[in-house]
N, C-alpha and C. Protein backbone atom coordinates (compact mmCIF):
# COMPACT_ATOMS: atom_id res chain seq x y z
N LYS A 1 212.56 171.89 -25.36
CA LYS A 1 211.59 171.37 -26.31
C LYS A 1 210.34 172.26 -26.28
N GLY A 2 209.80 172.52 -27.47
CA GLY A 2 208.59 173.33 -27.54
C GLY A 2 208.83 174.82 -27.44
N GLU A 3 210.09 175.23 -27.44
CA GLU A 3 210.41 176.65 -27.41
C GLU A 3 210.91 177.07 -28.78
N ILE A 4 210.90 178.37 -29.01
CA ILE A 4 211.36 178.91 -30.28
C ILE A 4 212.60 179.74 -30.04
N LEU A 5 213.63 179.50 -30.84
CA LEU A 5 214.82 180.34 -30.83
C LEU A 5 214.66 181.36 -31.95
N LEU A 6 214.93 182.62 -31.65
CA LEU A 6 214.74 183.70 -32.61
C LEU A 6 215.97 184.60 -32.62
N THR A 7 216.56 184.77 -33.80
CA THR A 7 217.71 185.66 -33.90
C THR A 7 217.24 187.11 -33.84
N LYS A 8 217.97 187.92 -33.07
CA LYS A 8 217.63 189.34 -32.97
C LYS A 8 218.78 190.22 -33.43
N ASP A 9 219.95 189.65 -33.62
CA ASP A 9 221.13 190.41 -34.04
C ASP A 9 221.73 189.81 -35.30
N ALA A 10 222.41 190.65 -36.07
CA ALA A 10 223.11 190.26 -37.31
C ALA A 10 222.13 189.89 -38.41
N SER A 11 221.46 188.75 -38.31
CA SER A 11 220.42 188.34 -39.27
C SER A 11 219.11 188.20 -38.52
N PRO A 12 218.50 189.32 -38.13
CA PRO A 12 217.30 189.23 -37.29
C PRO A 12 216.11 188.61 -38.00
N GLY A 13 215.32 187.88 -37.21
CA GLY A 13 214.08 187.34 -37.74
C GLY A 13 214.11 185.91 -38.20
N VAL A 14 215.12 185.14 -37.79
CA VAL A 14 215.16 183.72 -38.14
C VAL A 14 214.67 182.94 -36.92
N ALA A 15 213.59 182.19 -37.09
CA ALA A 15 212.98 181.44 -36.00
C ALA A 15 213.15 179.94 -36.22
N TYR A 16 213.37 179.21 -35.11
CA TYR A 16 213.52 177.76 -35.17
C TYR A 16 212.84 177.14 -33.95
N VAL A 17 212.00 176.16 -34.17
CA VAL A 17 211.32 175.47 -33.07
C VAL A 17 212.21 174.33 -32.59
N LEU A 18 212.52 174.33 -31.30
CA LEU A 18 213.31 173.24 -30.72
C LEU A 18 212.45 171.98 -30.65
N LYS A 19 212.97 170.90 -31.20
CA LYS A 19 212.22 169.66 -31.23
C LYS A 19 212.61 168.71 -30.10
N GLU A 20 213.70 169.03 -29.44
CA GLU A 20 214.14 168.23 -28.30
C GLU A 20 214.87 169.13 -27.32
N ASN A 21 214.96 168.69 -26.09
CA ASN A 21 215.68 169.46 -25.08
C ASN A 21 217.16 169.45 -25.40
N ILE A 22 217.80 170.60 -25.20
CA ILE A 22 219.24 170.69 -25.42
C ILE A 22 219.89 171.34 -24.21
N GLU A 23 221.12 170.98 -23.96
CA GLU A 23 221.90 171.58 -22.88
C GLU A 23 222.81 172.62 -23.49
N GLY A 24 222.93 173.76 -22.85
CA GLY A 24 223.85 174.76 -23.36
C GLY A 24 223.41 176.16 -23.00
N ILE A 25 224.20 177.10 -23.45
CA ILE A 25 223.94 178.51 -23.21
C ILE A 25 223.58 179.16 -24.53
N ILE A 26 222.56 179.98 -24.52
CA ILE A 26 222.11 180.65 -25.73
C ILE A 26 222.89 181.95 -25.89
N SER A 27 223.30 182.24 -27.10
CA SER A 27 224.01 183.47 -27.42
C SER A 27 223.14 184.68 -27.10
N GLY A 28 223.78 185.80 -26.82
CA GLY A 28 223.06 187.03 -26.55
C GLY A 28 222.28 187.53 -27.75
N GLY A 29 222.64 187.09 -28.94
CA GLY A 29 221.96 187.52 -30.15
C GLY A 29 220.74 186.68 -30.49
N ILE A 30 220.41 185.75 -29.61
CA ILE A 30 219.27 184.85 -29.84
C ILE A 30 218.32 184.94 -28.65
N LEU A 31 217.05 185.07 -28.94
CA LEU A 31 216.03 185.07 -27.90
C LEU A 31 215.39 183.69 -27.80
N ARG A 32 215.06 183.30 -26.58
CA ARG A 32 214.33 182.05 -26.35
C ARG A 32 212.88 182.43 -26.07
N LEU A 33 212.00 182.05 -26.97
CA LEU A 33 210.59 182.39 -26.83
C LEU A 33 209.80 181.20 -26.34
N LYS A 34 208.98 181.44 -25.36
CA LYS A 34 208.08 180.40 -24.86
C LYS A 34 206.67 180.95 -25.03
N ILE A 35 205.84 180.22 -25.73
CA ILE A 35 204.49 180.69 -26.02
C ILE A 35 203.61 180.50 -24.77
N LYS A 36 203.10 181.62 -24.26
CA LYS A 36 202.22 181.57 -23.10
C LYS A 36 200.77 181.39 -23.52
N ASN A 37 200.44 181.97 -24.66
CA ASN A 37 199.07 181.93 -25.17
C ASN A 37 198.88 180.67 -26.01
N GLN A 38 197.97 179.83 -25.60
CA GLN A 38 197.75 178.57 -26.31
C GLN A 38 196.95 178.77 -27.60
N GLU A 39 196.70 180.04 -27.96
CA GLU A 39 195.97 180.35 -29.18
C GLU A 39 196.80 180.10 -30.43
N ILE A 40 198.12 180.00 -30.27
CA ILE A 40 198.99 179.91 -31.44
C ILE A 40 199.93 178.72 -31.32
N GLU A 41 200.06 177.98 -32.41
CA GLU A 41 200.96 176.82 -32.48
C GLU A 41 202.39 177.29 -32.70
N ASP A 42 203.35 176.63 -32.07
CA ASP A 42 204.74 177.06 -32.19
C ASP A 42 205.27 176.97 -33.62
N GLU A 43 204.98 175.89 -34.32
CA GLU A 43 205.45 175.75 -35.71
C GLU A 43 204.84 176.83 -36.60
N TYR A 44 203.57 177.14 -36.35
CA TYR A 44 202.89 178.17 -37.13
C TYR A 44 203.52 179.54 -36.87
N LEU A 45 203.81 179.84 -35.61
CA LEU A 45 204.44 181.12 -35.27
C LEU A 45 205.80 181.25 -35.95
N ALA A 46 206.61 180.18 -35.89
CA ALA A 46 207.92 180.21 -36.54
C ALA A 46 207.77 180.42 -38.05
N LEU A 47 206.78 179.78 -38.65
CA LEU A 47 206.53 179.97 -40.08
C LEU A 47 206.20 181.43 -40.39
N CYS A 48 205.36 182.05 -39.57
CA CYS A 48 205.00 183.46 -39.78
C CYS A 48 206.22 184.36 -39.65
N VAL A 49 207.06 184.11 -38.65
CA VAL A 49 208.26 184.93 -38.46
C VAL A 49 209.21 184.75 -39.64
N ASN A 50 209.35 183.51 -40.13
CA ASN A 50 210.27 183.22 -41.24
C ASN A 50 209.70 183.59 -42.61
N SER A 51 208.43 183.96 -42.66
CA SER A 51 207.80 184.30 -43.94
C SER A 51 208.34 185.62 -44.49
N VAL A 52 208.00 185.91 -45.72
CA VAL A 52 208.41 187.17 -46.35
C VAL A 52 207.92 188.36 -45.54
N ILE A 53 206.68 188.30 -45.08
CA ILE A 53 206.11 189.41 -44.30
C ILE A 53 206.84 189.55 -42.96
N GLY A 54 207.15 188.42 -42.32
CA GLY A 54 207.89 188.46 -41.06
C GLY A 54 209.27 189.06 -41.25
N ARG A 55 209.95 188.64 -42.30
CA ARG A 55 211.29 189.18 -42.59
C ARG A 55 211.24 190.68 -42.89
N MET A 56 210.19 191.10 -43.60
CA MET A 56 210.05 192.52 -43.91
C MET A 56 209.87 193.34 -42.63
N GLN A 57 209.11 192.80 -41.67
CA GLN A 57 208.93 193.49 -40.39
C GLN A 57 210.26 193.58 -39.64
N ALA A 58 211.02 192.49 -39.65
CA ALA A 58 212.32 192.49 -38.97
C ALA A 58 213.26 193.50 -39.61
N GLU A 59 213.30 193.51 -40.94
CA GLU A 59 214.18 194.46 -41.65
C GLU A 59 213.76 195.90 -41.39
N ARG A 60 212.45 196.14 -41.35
CA ARG A 60 211.94 197.49 -41.10
C ARG A 60 212.33 197.97 -39.70
N ASP A 61 212.20 197.08 -38.71
CA ASP A 61 212.40 197.46 -37.32
C ASP A 61 213.85 197.43 -36.87
N ALA A 62 214.67 196.58 -37.48
CA ALA A 62 216.04 196.39 -37.01
C ALA A 62 216.86 197.66 -37.25
N GLY A 63 217.56 198.07 -36.21
CA GLY A 63 218.43 199.24 -36.32
C GLY A 63 219.88 198.82 -36.20
N GLY A 64 220.77 199.74 -36.44
CA GLY A 64 222.20 199.45 -36.35
C GLY A 64 222.86 199.73 -37.67
N SER A 65 223.99 200.42 -37.61
CA SER A 65 224.65 200.80 -38.87
C SER A 65 225.47 199.66 -39.47
N ILE A 66 226.10 198.86 -38.64
CA ILE A 66 226.93 197.76 -39.15
C ILE A 66 226.26 196.42 -38.91
N ILE A 67 225.84 196.18 -37.68
CA ILE A 67 225.15 194.93 -37.34
C ILE A 67 223.71 195.28 -36.96
N ALA A 68 222.77 194.64 -37.64
CA ALA A 68 221.35 194.90 -37.36
C ALA A 68 220.97 194.34 -36.00
N HIS A 69 220.16 195.08 -35.27
CA HIS A 69 219.66 194.66 -33.96
C HIS A 69 218.15 194.84 -33.94
N TRP A 70 217.43 193.78 -33.59
CA TRP A 70 215.98 193.82 -33.49
C TRP A 70 215.63 193.80 -32.01
N LYS A 71 215.06 194.87 -31.51
CA LYS A 71 214.78 195.01 -30.08
C LYS A 71 213.59 194.14 -29.66
N PRO A 72 213.68 193.56 -28.46
CA PRO A 72 212.57 192.72 -27.96
C PRO A 72 211.22 193.44 -27.96
N GLU A 73 211.22 194.76 -27.67
CA GLU A 73 209.96 195.51 -27.68
C GLU A 73 209.34 195.50 -29.08
N GLN A 74 210.19 195.58 -30.10
CA GLN A 74 209.69 195.56 -31.47
C GLN A 74 209.19 194.16 -31.85
N ILE A 75 209.89 193.16 -31.37
CA ILE A 75 209.48 191.77 -31.65
C ILE A 75 208.10 191.51 -31.04
N LYS A 76 207.87 192.01 -29.82
CA LYS A 76 206.57 191.83 -29.17
C LYS A 76 205.43 192.43 -29.99
N ASN A 77 205.73 193.49 -30.72
CA ASN A 77 204.71 194.19 -31.50
C ASN A 77 204.58 193.68 -32.93
N MET A 78 205.25 192.58 -33.25
CA MET A 78 205.19 192.03 -34.59
C MET A 78 203.75 191.59 -34.91
N ALA A 79 203.31 191.89 -36.12
CA ALA A 79 201.95 191.51 -36.54
C ALA A 79 201.96 190.06 -37.02
N ILE A 80 201.20 189.22 -36.33
CA ILE A 80 201.08 187.79 -36.67
C ILE A 80 199.60 187.50 -36.91
N PRO A 81 199.24 186.99 -38.09
CA PRO A 81 197.83 186.66 -38.31
C PRO A 81 197.44 185.42 -37.49
N ILE A 82 196.40 185.55 -36.69
CA ILE A 82 195.94 184.43 -35.87
C ILE A 82 194.81 183.73 -36.61
N LEU A 83 195.14 182.60 -37.20
CA LEU A 83 194.15 181.79 -37.91
C LEU A 83 193.43 180.89 -36.91
N PRO A 84 192.28 180.34 -37.27
CA PRO A 84 191.61 179.39 -36.38
C PRO A 84 192.55 178.23 -36.03
N LYS A 85 192.44 177.75 -34.80
CA LYS A 85 193.34 176.72 -34.28
C LYS A 85 193.42 175.49 -35.19
N PRO A 86 192.31 174.96 -35.73
CA PRO A 86 192.43 173.78 -36.60
C PRO A 86 193.29 174.03 -37.84
N ILE A 87 193.22 175.23 -38.39
CA ILE A 87 194.03 175.55 -39.57
C ILE A 87 195.50 175.64 -39.17
N GLN A 88 195.78 176.27 -38.02
CA GLN A 88 197.16 176.32 -37.53
C GLN A 88 197.71 174.92 -37.31
N GLN A 89 196.89 174.05 -36.72
CA GLN A 89 197.33 172.68 -36.46
C GLN A 89 197.62 171.94 -37.76
N GLU A 90 196.79 172.17 -38.77
CA GLU A 90 197.02 171.54 -40.08
C GLU A 90 198.34 172.04 -40.68
N ILE A 91 198.56 173.34 -40.62
CA ILE A 91 199.80 173.92 -41.14
C ILE A 91 201.00 173.38 -40.37
N SER A 92 200.89 173.32 -39.05
CA SER A 92 201.97 172.79 -38.22
C SER A 92 202.27 171.34 -38.57
N GLY A 93 201.23 170.56 -38.81
CA GLY A 93 201.42 169.17 -39.21
C GLY A 93 202.17 169.05 -40.53
N LEU A 94 201.82 169.90 -41.47
CA LEU A 94 202.52 169.90 -42.77
C LEU A 94 203.98 170.30 -42.61
N ILE A 95 204.24 171.25 -41.73
CA ILE A 95 205.63 171.66 -41.48
C ILE A 95 206.42 170.49 -40.89
N ARG A 96 205.83 169.80 -39.92
CA ARG A 96 206.51 168.64 -39.31
C ARG A 96 206.76 167.55 -40.35
N GLN A 97 205.78 167.30 -41.22
CA GLN A 97 205.96 166.31 -42.29
C GLN A 97 207.11 166.72 -43.21
N SER A 98 207.19 168.00 -43.50
CA SER A 98 208.27 168.51 -44.34
C SER A 98 209.63 168.27 -43.70
N HIS A 99 209.73 168.56 -42.39
CA HIS A 99 211.00 168.33 -41.68
C HIS A 99 211.36 166.85 -41.67
N ASP A 100 210.36 165.99 -41.43
CA ASP A 100 210.61 164.55 -41.42
C ASP A 100 211.07 164.06 -42.79
N ALA A 101 210.43 164.57 -43.86
CA ALA A 101 210.81 164.16 -45.22
C ALA A 101 212.22 164.63 -45.55
N ARG A 102 212.58 165.84 -45.12
CA ARG A 102 213.93 166.35 -45.36
C ARG A 102 214.97 165.49 -44.63
N LYS A 103 214.66 165.12 -43.39
CA LYS A 103 215.57 164.28 -42.61
C LYS A 103 215.73 162.92 -43.28
N LYS A 104 214.63 162.34 -43.73
CA LYS A 104 214.67 161.03 -44.40
C LYS A 104 215.47 161.13 -45.70
N ALA A 105 215.30 162.22 -46.45
CA ALA A 105 216.04 162.41 -47.71
C ALA A 105 217.54 162.48 -47.44
N LYS A 106 217.93 163.17 -46.38
CA LYS A 106 219.36 163.25 -46.03
C LYS A 106 219.91 161.88 -45.67
N GLU A 107 219.12 161.11 -44.91
CA GLU A 107 219.55 159.76 -44.54
C GLU A 107 219.73 158.88 -45.77
N LEU A 108 218.78 158.96 -46.70
CA LEU A 108 218.86 158.16 -47.93
C LEU A 108 220.05 158.58 -48.78
N LEU A 109 220.33 159.87 -48.85
CA LEU A 109 221.47 160.35 -49.61
C LEU A 109 222.78 159.83 -49.00
N GLU A 110 222.88 159.88 -47.68
CA GLU A 110 224.09 159.36 -47.01
C GLU A 110 224.25 157.87 -47.25
N GLU A 111 223.15 157.13 -47.21
CA GLU A 111 223.19 155.69 -47.46
C GLU A 111 223.65 155.42 -48.90
N ALA A 112 223.14 156.18 -49.85
CA ALA A 112 223.54 156.01 -51.26
C ALA A 112 225.02 156.33 -51.43
N LYS A 113 225.50 157.39 -50.80
CA LYS A 113 226.93 157.74 -50.88
C LYS A 113 227.79 156.61 -50.32
N ARG A 114 227.36 156.08 -49.18
CA ARG A 114 228.12 155.01 -48.53
C ARG A 114 228.18 153.77 -49.43
N LYS A 115 227.07 153.43 -50.07
CA LYS A 115 227.04 152.26 -50.95
C LYS A 115 227.92 152.46 -52.17
N VAL A 116 227.91 153.66 -52.74
CA VAL A 116 228.76 153.96 -53.90
C VAL A 116 230.23 153.84 -53.49
N GLU A 117 230.57 154.38 -52.32
CA GLU A 117 231.96 154.29 -51.85
C GLU A 117 232.38 152.84 -51.64
N GLU A 118 231.48 152.03 -51.10
CA GLU A 118 231.78 150.61 -50.90
C GLU A 118 232.01 149.91 -52.23
N LEU A 119 231.17 150.21 -53.22
CA LEU A 119 231.33 149.60 -54.54
C LEU A 119 232.66 150.01 -55.18
N ILE A 120 233.05 151.26 -55.02
CA ILE A 120 234.32 151.74 -55.58
C ILE A 120 235.49 151.06 -54.89
N GLU A 121 235.42 150.93 -53.57
CA GLU A 121 236.51 150.32 -52.81
C GLU A 121 236.65 148.83 -53.12
N ASN A 122 235.57 148.15 -53.42
CA ASN A 122 235.60 146.71 -53.66
C ASN A 122 236.05 146.34 -55.07
N LYS A 123 236.23 147.31 -55.94
CA LYS A 123 236.66 147.00 -57.31
C LYS A 123 238.14 146.79 -57.38
């Protein structure tokens, strides 16, 4: 929980913030990032990495003729704009609201599907 998974191989530059602890082994093509500097919010950092500018940096730096590889040294040197902490927190809050709304929408869609199936079966 509170860590970021970042792809470095094949499709480099995809970041995801873990929202809960998970058991398992991480693939060699994925880096586990733990933020040491409290200057930056994890959701904000993932947003920057997943942004158009972040993807462009990954594409620029990734080498490999068949499968792209983004080296950890290059990832460390990625340019991330450090906004004031309150703005980062506001952005992070909006990201979390977005994830919650998406989860709720999926739940409502599944409930609607289930009700339609029940109505069809009862006819």
